[in-house]
């Protein structure tokens, strides 16, 4: 067994060390700790020793577009997050659009990092068409997760949701197990509702029209404005951050956030935390074996 910080530290060293490697490693290890292995160190299958360096944003600009097709995706998103935080403090608001991004896992750790730095962070990722529009019969957008975080400590809120009723991983798992799907989440190739995973041609949007429109927002930002839509090299991702302390004197945004949290909870609501593993949590021996195997492969030098 291994503690989360120790596992993340070992992985960060293999990814080259430094803040971006630590953020990427922590995000991957946390996914495994939360029982989401497809978003965890399984992503290391896409790591290559000759992965390109993460492109840098032009320091004089508050907004940037980066081609990350040759980069290890979790490291690219982590590096962009760190750079975005610096830009948001410099300009007050900043954004970065990534394209050619392969699978990188969950959005929550990256927007959470922005919130830890006193910023509001928003992120979204588009992907290959697999979700129908509300009232539609064929796939037109991806599962298009959307995340937001603001605040620190107990007041921090982290929202990380898919805009579809399920994920592609859910469908793959159901196909492998033969388990029936819940009612009302998928359509077959004829646009008819189905509970058979092998027949699924499209998922439905979460929450009907609202989920459909949120998915469209992500597609417009990451796919259209960011240039990711239709890119055969990978998906489009956007990251946005702004500094709420720029609101001006007399506006205590942290007190307002605390007040909102109190009202929300008193009204019977759940204050979302975005799913974070407890620091004292440990990962089992199966994880350790998978981590050791991945680290051994990552340390093999080319030509040996």
Foldseek 3Di string as FASTA:
>chain_A
DFFLQVQLVLQLVLVPHDQLSSLLSSQQSFCVLLVNNVQHCVLLVPDDLPQDPQDDADLVDQEEFGERLRHSQSSNLSVVLVNNLVSQVVPQKHKYKYALHARRHFPQSSQVVSQQVQKKKKKKWWFDFAAAAQVGQATDTAQIWIWIWHHDDPLIFIDIDGQAPDHPVVLVVCQVVVDFADWDFFHFPVSHTGRGSVRGRHTYTPPGNVSNVVSVVSCCVFVPVNVHPPDPSTIMMMMMIGRPVVVDPPDDVNVVSVVVVVVQVVVVHDRHDPRGDDSRDGDDPVVVVVSVVSSVVSPDDPPD
